Amino acid sequence: MTIILLIVDTSASMAQKTYLGTSYLDVARNIIDALQKQRMKDVATRGYDRFFLITTEEYPACIKSGWRESSAVLHEQLKRLRPRGRGSISDAFMNALKFINVHRAQTGWSCFICGCVCMCTFYLSILLASNMRKKF
């Protein structure tokens, strides 16, 4: 099972338009849709991926889709995302790591972000979608 954790910046700056006329948030949605469709095409990973969607909103509103929900819930939550307010990427990233740590503790998964090599069948990928141009 692969856990793909998606962090999407939903701050007001994501409403900016690209040169194509779409907003940065629309670009992030399209990337996530393409990623999920590509993972579904692969026979080896079909049905084994779990997606977790977190935004830059304050806790607990930042959790949009957990890894136990279906892909239909993920798509519905992606459609509902709206750019508003001020969000902190660093806070969203810390929330994501906290949830991964809770999941690790609940499941007995001992290789937190590939910290050690053991007989572990879980993998973790983090995708961050933002329009930030500077380091946080």
C-alpha atoms as a PDB file:
ATOM      1  CA  MET A   1       0.000   0.000   0.000  1.00  0.00           C
ATOM      2  CA  THR A   2       1.264   3.439  -0.915  1.00  0.00           C
ATOM      3  CA  ILE A   3       0.083   6.493   0.989  1.00  0.00           C
ATOM      4  CA  ILE A   4       0.114   9.591  -1.198  1.00  0.00           C
ATOM      5  CA  LEU A   5      -0.261  12.688   0.925  1.00  0.00           C
ATOM      6  CA  LEU A   6      -1.418  15.744  -1.006  1.00  0.00           C
ATOM      7  CA  ILE A   7      -0.867  19.204   0.462  1.00  0.00           C
ATOM      8  CA  VAL A   8      -2.697  21.903  -1.491  1.00  0.00           C
ATOM      9  CA  ASP A   9      -2.181  25.607  -0.878  1.00  0.00           C
ATOM     10  CA  THR A  10      -5.658  27.172  -0.651  1.00  0.00           C
ATOM     11  CA  SER A  11      -4.526  30.681   0.216  1.00  0.00           C
ATOM     12  CA  ALA A  12      -5.905  33.628  -1.755  1.00  0.00           C
ATOM     13  CA  SER A  13      -2.768  33.772  -3.893  1.00  0.00           C
ATOM     14  CA  MET A  14      -3.815  30.512  -5.572  1.00  0.00           C
ATOM     15  CA  ALA A  15      -6.625  32.464  -7.312  1.00  0.00           C
ATOM     16  CA  GLN A  16      -4.039  34.143  -9.567  1.00  0.00           C
ATOM     17  CA  LYS A  17      -4.389  33.346 -13.240  1.00  0.00           C
ATOM     18  CA  THR A  18      -1.705  31.642 -15.287  1.00  0.00           C
ATOM     19  CA  TYR A  19      -0.890  32.686 -18.836  1.00  0.00           C
ATOM     20  CA  LEU A  20      -3.418  30.072 -19.988  1.00  0.00           C
ATOM     21  CA  GLY A  21      -6.222  31.770 -18.048  1.00  0.00           C
ATOM     22  CA  THR A  22      -6.636  29.084 -15.396  1.00  0.00           C
ATOM     23  CA  SER A  23      -5.977  29.676 -11.722  1.00  0.00           C
ATOM     24  CA  TYR A  24      -3.086  28.090  -9.868  1.00  0.00           C
ATOM     25  CA  LEU A  25      -5.610  26.079  -7.857  1.00  0.00           C
ATOM     26  CA  ASP A  26      -7.057  24.676 -11.098  1.00  0.00           C
ATOM     27  CA  VAL A  27      -3.539  23.676 -12.144  1.00  0.00           C
ATOM     28  CA  ALA A  28      -3.062  21.886  -8.802  1.00  0.00           C
ATOM     29  CA  ARG A  29      -6.387  20.067  -9.261  1.00  0.00           C
ATOM     30  CA  ASN A  30      -5.413  18.958 -12.762  1.00  0.00           C
ATOM     31  CA  ILE A  31      -2.048  17.656 -11.537  1.00  0.00           C
ATOM     32  CA  ILE A  32      -3.705  15.638  -8.764  1.00  0.00           C
ATOM     33  CA  ASP A  33      -6.296  14.221 -11.190  1.00  0.00           C
ATOM     34  CA  ALA A  34      -3.578  13.260 -13.664  1.00  0.00           C
ATOM     35  CA  LEU A  35      -1.536  11.635 -10.888  1.00  0.00           C
ATOM     36  CA  GLN A  36      -4.459   9.564  -9.688  1.00  0.00           C
ATOM     37  CA  LYS A  37      -5.444   8.504 -13.216  1.00  0.00           C
ATOM     38  CA  GLN A  38      -1.864   7.499 -13.974  1.00  0.00           C
ATOM     39  CA  ARG A  39      -1.673   5.440 -10.776  1.00  0.00           C
ATOM     40  CA  MET A  40      -4.968   3.724 -11.670  1.00  0.00           C
ATOM     41  CA  LYS A  41      -3.605   2.705 -15.089  1.00  0.00           C
ATOM     42  CA  ASP A  42      -0.750   0.780 -13.491  1.00  0.00           C
ATOM     43  CA  VAL A  43      -1.948  -2.753 -12.745  1.00  0.00           C
ATOM     44  CA  ALA A  44       0.564  -3.181  -9.900  1.00  0.00           C
ATOM     45  CA  THR A  45      -0.719  -0.162  -7.947  1.00  0.00           C
ATOM     46  CA  ARG A  46      -4.417  -0.212  -8.826  1.00  0.00           C
ATOM     47  CA  GLY A  47      -6.460  -0.384  -5.646  1.00  0.00           C
ATOM     48  CA  TYR A  48      -3.443  -0.227  -3.338  1.00  0.00           C
ATOM     49  CA  ASP A  49      -2.984   3.548  -3.225  1.00  0.00           C
ATOM     50  CA  ARG A  50      -4.400   5.640  -0.414  1.00  0.00           C
ATOM     51  CA  PHE A  51      -4.744   9.404  -0.852  1.00  0.00           C
ATOM     52  CA  PHE A  52      -4.800  11.928   1.984  1.00  0.00           C
ATOM     53  CA  LEU A  53      -5.721  15.542   1.119  1.00  0.00           C
ATOM     54  CA  ILE A  54      -4.654  18.394   3.404  1.00  0.00           C
ATOM     55  CA  THR A  55      -4.992  22.127   2.747  1.00  0.00           C
ATOM     56  CA  THR A  56      -3.451  25.211   4.328  1.00  0.00           C
ATOM     57  CA  GLU A  57      -6.585  25.977   6.349  1.00  0.00           C
ATOM     58  CA  GLU A  58      -6.601  25.799  10.138  1.00  0.00           C
ATOM     59  CA  TYR A  59      -7.021  22.444  11.869  1.00  0.00           C
ATOM     60  CA  PRO A  60      -9.469  20.569  11.718  1.00  0.00           C
ATOM     61  CA  ALA A  61     -10.806  22.185   8.514  1.00  0.00           C
ATOM     62  CA  CYS A  62      -7.515  21.344   6.775  1.00  0.00           C
ATOM     63  CA  ILE A  63      -8.396  17.648   6.472  1.00  0.00           C
ATOM     64  CA  LYS A  64     -10.387  17.187   3.294  1.00  0.00           C
ATOM     65  CA  SER A  65      -9.985  13.499   2.512  1.00  0.00           C
ATOM     66  CA  GLY A  66      -8.482  10.712   4.593  1.00  0.00           C
ATOM     67  CA  TRP A  67      -6.756   7.568   3.377  1.00  0.00           C
ATOM     68  CA  ARG A  68      -9.740   5.409   4.251  1.00  0.00           C
ATOM     69  CA  GLU A  69     -12.094   7.278   1.915  1.00  0.00           C
ATOM     70  CA  SER A  70     -12.667   6.393  -1.716  1.00  0.00           C
ATOM     71  CA  SER A  71     -11.305   8.230  -4.722  1.00  0.00           C
ATOM     72  CA  ALA A  72     -14.782   9.672  -5.325  1.00  0.00           C
ATOM     73  CA  VAL A  73     -14.537  11.515  -1.996  1.00  0.00           C
ATOM     74  CA  LEU A  74     -11.106  12.842  -3.002  1.00  0.00           C
ATOM     75  CA  HIS A  75     -12.465  14.172  -6.309  1.00  0.00           C
ATOM     76  CA  GLU A  76     -15.480  15.747  -4.614  1.00  0.00           C
ATOM     77  CA  GLN A  77     -13.261  17.500  -2.067  1.00  0.00           C
ATOM     78  CA  LEU A  78     -10.920  18.696  -4.835  1.00  0.00           C
ATOM     79  CA  LYS A  79     -13.884  20.278  -6.631  1.00  0.00           C
ATOM     80  CA  ARG A  80     -14.940  22.061  -3.433  1.00  0.00           C
ATOM     81  CA  LEU A  81     -11.558  23.698  -2.794  1.00  0.00           C
ATOM     82  CA  ARG A  82     -11.681  27.490  -3.003  1.00  0.00           C
ATOM     83  CA  PRO A  83      -8.797  29.936  -2.572  1.00  0.00           C
ATOM     84  CA  ARG A  84      -9.379  32.108   0.482  1.00  0.00           C
ATOM     85  CA  GLY A  85      -7.599  33.585   3.450  1.00  0.00           C
ATOM     86  CA  ARG A  86      -3.983  33.248   4.388  1.00  0.00           C
ATOM     87  CA  GLY A  87      -2.551  29.809   4.748  1.00  0.00           C
ATOM     88  CA  SER A  88       0.829  28.710   5.959  1.00  0.00           C
ATOM     89  CA  ILE A  89       2.577  26.008   3.953  1.00  0.00           C
ATOM     90  CA  SER A  90       4.851  25.193   6.873  1.00  0.00           C
ATOM     91  CA  ASP A  91       1.863  24.677   9.208  1.00  0.00           C
ATOM     92  CA  ALA A  92       0.169  22.456   6.622  1.00  0.00           C
ATOM     93  CA  PHE A  93       3.350  20.420   6.225  1.00  0.00           C
ATOM     94  CA  MET A  94       3.631  20.020  10.009  1.00  0.00           C
ATOM     95  CA  ASN A  95      -0.025  18.914  10.183  1.00  0.00           C
ATOM     96  CA  ALA A  96       0.694  16.358   7.472  1.00  0.00           C
ATOM     97  CA  LEU A  97       3.673  14.964   9.365  1.00  0.00           C
ATOM     98  CA  LYS A  98       1.606  14.777  12.560  1.00  0.00           C
ATOM     99  CA  PHE A  99      -1.085  12.752  10.807  1.00  0.00           C
ATOM    100  CA  ILE A 100       1.515  10.449   9.288  1.00  0.00           C
ATOM    101  CA  ASN A 101       3.006   9.941  12.737  1.00  0.00           C
ATOM    102  CA  VAL A 102      -0.433   9.106  14.198  1.00  0.00           C
ATOM    103  CA  HIS A 103      -1.054   6.643  11.365  1.00  0.00           C
ATOM    104  CA  ARG A 104       2.383   5.112  11.932  1.00  0.00           C
ATOM    105  CA  ALA A 105       1.662   4.663  15.637  1.00  0.00           C
ATOM    106  CA  GLN A 106      -1.773   3.117  14.990  1.00  0.00           C
ATOM    107  CA  THR A 107      -0.571   0.641  12.389  1.00  0.00           C
ATOM    108  CA  GLY A 108       2.818  -0.226  13.840  1.00  0.00           C
ATOM    109  CA  TRP A 109       4.517   1.065  10.716  1.00  0.00           C
ATOM    110  CA  SER A 110       8.105   1.594  11.808  1.00  0.00           C
ATOM    111  CA  CYS A 111       9.759   3.236   8.819  1.00  0.00           C
ATOM    112  CA  PHE A 112       8.605   6.836   9.198  1.00  0.00           C
ATOM    113  CA  ILE A 113       9.545   8.590   5.939  1.00  0.00           C
ATOM    114  CA  CYS A 114      11.984   5.800   5.090  1.00  0.00           C
ATOM    115  CA  GLY A 115      13.983   6.463   8.260  1.00  0.00           C
ATOM    116  CA  CYS A 116      14.982   2.823   8.569  1.00  0.00           C
ATOM    117  CA  VAL A 117      14.916  -0.172   6.301  1.00  0.00           C
ATOM    118  CA  CYS A 118      12.874  -3.068   7.625  1.00  0.00           C
ATOM    119  CA  MET A 119      10.299  -5.546   6.424  1.00  0.00           C
ATOM    120  CA  CYS A 120       7.918  -2.738   5.587  1.00  0.00           C
ATOM    121  CA  THR A 121       5.423  -2.910   2.727  1.00  0.00           C
ATOM    122  CA  PHE A 122       4.197   0.668   3.120  1.00  0.00           C
ATOM    123  CA  TYR A 123       5.481   3.564   1.083  1.00  0.00           C
ATOM    124  CA  LEU A 124       4.879   7.263   1.491  1.00  0.00           C
ATOM    125  CA  SER A 125       4.864  10.053  -1.064  1.00  0.00           C
ATOM    126  CA  ILE A 126       4.187  13.708  -0.312  1.00  0.00           C
ATOM    127  CA  LEU A 127       3.052  16.082  -3.065  1.00  0.00           C
ATOM    128  CA  LEU A 128       2.964  19.804  -2.321  1.00  0.00           C
ATOM    129  CA  ALA A 129       0.979  22.058  -4.675  1.00  0.00           C
ATOM    130  CA  SER A 130       1.624  25.765  -4.201  1.00  0.00           C
ATOM    131  CA  ASN A 131       2.595  28.875  -6.119  1.00  0.00           C
ATOM    132  CA  MET A 132       5.320  29.851  -3.639  1.00  0.00           C
ATOM    133  CA  ARG A 133       8.617  30.869  -5.155  1.00  0.00           C
ATOM    134  CA  LYS A 134      10.636  31.123  -1.982  1.00  0.00           C
ATOM    135  CA  LYS A 135      11.701  28.624   0.620  1.00  0.00           C
ATOM    136  CA  PHE A 136       9.676  28.322   3.806  1.00  0.00           C
END
